[in-house]
Amino acid sequence: MPIASENWTPEDALVAVMISISASDETMRTSELLSIERMVNHLPVFSDYQIARITEISNGVFDILAEEDGLDILWNTVRAALPERLFDTAYALACDVAAADLKAGEQELRLLEDMRYEFNIDRLLAAAIEAAARARHRTL
């Protein structure tokens, strides 16, 4: 049973953002899931997070996105759970997930654009975050 979205922690909201980017093209690739798991295991923002919650949050995201206005519900839920000072963190995590499989599809790019708007991410900041994600995931 998914954790009710009104009970999401800030960490849950960050996980929800990452899951939504991964699922945006209707294919959750192994590289994206491993990227999410790696970030949850290593980033300071997740230091007290129980990794077992990822499955429950994922199910909650899928339930929300199945609703008629699912994306609006998701953004409202994330904004309610996430302090504004972490909006750029959410965007950075989403960019890393989108870059994990070495290509960002059209649906992922649209969702990132929507996220920039919803979280009021400055265009220059977004460009820097996107460039950093590309650099981190570049291959030889």
Protein backbone atom coordinates (compact mmCIF):
# COMPACT_ATOMS: atom_id res chain seq x y z
CA MET A 1 0.00 0.00 0.00
CA PRO A 2 1.50 3.33 -1.03
CA ILE A 3 2.21 6.00 1.55
CA ALA A 4 -0.53 8.63 1.31
CA SER A 5 0.85 11.63 -0.52
CA GLU A 6 -0.25 14.01 2.24
CA ASN A 7 2.20 12.14 4.51
CA TRP A 8 5.22 12.53 2.23
CA THR A 9 8.44 13.74 3.76
CA PRO A 10 10.74 16.10 1.82
CA GLU A 11 12.84 13.05 0.93
CA ASP A 12 9.74 11.28 -0.36
CA ALA A 13 9.01 14.28 -2.57
CA LEU A 14 12.53 14.14 -4.02
CA VAL A 15 12.13 10.42 -4.71
CA ALA A 16 8.75 11.12 -6.33
CA VAL A 17 10.35 13.64 -8.68
CA MET A 18 13.03 11.15 -9.69
CA ILE A 19 10.48 8.36 -10.21
CA SER A 20 8.25 10.64 -12.29
CA ILE A 21 11.15 11.52 -14.62
CA SER A 22 12.09 7.88 -14.99
CA ALA A 23 8.50 6.87 -15.72
CA SER A 24 7.75 9.81 -18.03
CA ASP A 25 8.63 7.86 -21.18
CA GLU A 26 6.68 4.82 -19.90
CA THR A 27 9.93 2.85 -19.60
CA MET A 28 11.81 2.79 -16.32
CA ARG A 29 15.29 1.76 -17.38
CA THR A 30 17.64 -0.12 -15.09
CA SER A 31 20.23 2.66 -15.38
CA GLU A 32 17.67 5.19 -14.14
CA LEU A 33 16.59 3.00 -11.23
CA LEU A 34 20.20 2.36 -10.25
CA SER A 35 20.87 6.10 -10.43
CA ILE A 36 17.94 6.77 -8.08
CA GLU A 37 19.12 4.11 -5.65
CA ARG A 38 22.70 5.41 -5.74
CA MET A 39 21.59 8.98 -5.03
CA VAL A 40 19.34 7.90 -2.16
CA ASN A 41 22.16 5.83 -0.69
CA HIS A 42 24.85 8.51 -0.95
CA LEU A 43 23.51 12.08 -0.97
CA PRO A 44 23.37 13.98 2.34
CA VAL A 45 19.76 15.05 1.78
CA PHE A 46 18.78 11.37 2.15
CA SER A 47 20.95 10.66 5.22
CA ASP A 48 17.99 9.60 7.39
CA TYR A 49 15.84 8.13 4.62
CA GLN A 50 14.62 4.53 4.69
CA ILE A 51 15.31 3.16 1.23
CA ALA A 52 12.42 0.71 1.58
CA ARG A 53 10.07 3.69 1.15
CA ILE A 54 11.09 4.03 -2.51
CA THR A 55 8.73 1.25 -3.58
CA GLU A 56 5.83 2.78 -1.67
CA ILE A 57 6.51 6.26 -3.03
CA SER A 58 6.81 4.83 -6.56
CA ASN A 59 3.40 3.22 -6.22
CA GLY A 60 2.02 6.52 -4.94
CA VAL A 61 3.46 8.38 -7.94
CA PHE A 62 1.93 5.85 -10.34
CA ASP A 63 -1.45 6.21 -8.59
CA ILE A 64 -1.25 10.01 -8.80
CA LEU A 65 -0.22 10.02 -12.47
CA ALA A 66 -3.13 7.70 -13.29
CA GLU A 67 -5.52 10.47 -12.20
CA GLU A 68 -7.02 12.82 -14.79
CA ASP A 69 -4.99 15.82 -13.54
CA GLY A 70 -2.18 13.64 -12.24
CA LEU A 71 0.73 15.87 -13.12
CA ASP A 72 -0.89 18.90 -11.44
CA ILE A 73 -1.61 16.76 -8.37
CA LEU A 74 2.00 15.55 -8.34
CA TRP A 75 3.45 19.08 -8.50
CA ASN A 76 1.09 20.31 -5.78
CA THR A 77 1.98 17.34 -3.58
CA VAL A 78 5.72 17.79 -4.10
CA ARG A 79 5.54 21.53 -3.41
CA ALA A 80 3.58 20.87 -0.21
CA ALA A 81 6.19 18.38 1.08
CA LEU A 82 9.38 20.01 -0.17
CA PRO A 83 10.91 23.19 1.25
CA GLU A 84 11.37 25.80 -1.48
CA ARG A 85 15.13 25.85 -0.88
CA LEU A 86 15.23 22.25 -2.21
CA PHE A 87 13.42 22.97 -5.50
CA ASP A 88 16.73 23.27 -7.33
CA THR A 89 17.89 20.04 -5.65
CA ALA A 90 14.79 18.30 -6.99
CA TYR A 91 15.54 19.63 -10.46
CA ALA A 92 19.17 18.51 -10.25
CA LEU A 93 18.15 15.00 -9.17
CA ALA A 94 15.61 14.84 -12.01
CA CYS A 95 18.28 15.89 -14.52
CA ASP A 96 20.62 13.18 -13.24
CA VAL A 97 17.93 10.54 -13.66
CA ALA A 98 17.11 11.80 -17.16
CA ALA A 99 20.81 11.65 -18.09
CA ALA A 100 21.42 8.23 -16.51
CA ASP A 101 20.58 6.30 -19.70
CA LEU A 102 22.69 8.74 -21.75
CA LYS A 103 19.73 10.22 -23.58
CA ALA A 104 16.81 12.38 -22.55
CA GLY A 105 13.69 11.61 -24.52
CA GLU A 106 11.05 14.07 -25.57
CA GLN A 107 8.75 13.18 -22.66
CA GLU A 108 11.57 13.61 -20.14
CA LEU A 109 12.51 16.98 -21.62
CA ARG A 110 8.88 18.14 -21.47
CA LEU A 111 8.59 17.05 -17.87
CA LEU A 112 11.82 18.88 -17.00
CA GLU A 113 10.45 22.00 -18.70
CA ASP A 114 7.24 21.66 -16.70
CA MET A 115 9.29 21.22 -13.53
CA ARG A 116 11.30 24.39 -14.25
CA TYR A 117 8.03 26.29 -14.54
CA GLU A 118 6.35 24.69 -11.50
CA PHE A 119 9.39 25.20 -9.25
CA ASN A 120 10.25 28.62 -10.70
CA ILE A 121 13.78 27.50 -11.57
CA ASP A 122 15.77 30.33 -13.15
CA ARG A 123 16.68 29.53 -16.75
CA LEU A 124 20.41 30.16 -16.19
CA LEU A 125 20.44 27.95 -13.10
CA ALA A 126 18.55 25.25 -15.00
CA ALA A 127 21.07 25.41 -17.86
CA ALA A 128 23.95 25.01 -15.39
CA ILE A 129 22.27 22.05 -13.69
CA GLU A 130 21.55 20.42 -17.05
CA ALA A 131 25.14 20.93 -18.26
CA ALA A 132 26.50 19.43 -15.04
CA ALA A 133 24.25 16.37 -15.41
CA ARG A 134 25.41 15.88 -18.99
CA ALA A 135 29.04 16.18 -17.89
CA ARG A 136 28.61 13.65 -15.07
CA HIS A 137 27.02 11.07 -17.37
CA ARG A 138 29.25 11.53 -20.42
CA THR A 139 31.05 8.45 -21.75
CA LEU A 140 34.36 8.14 -23.62
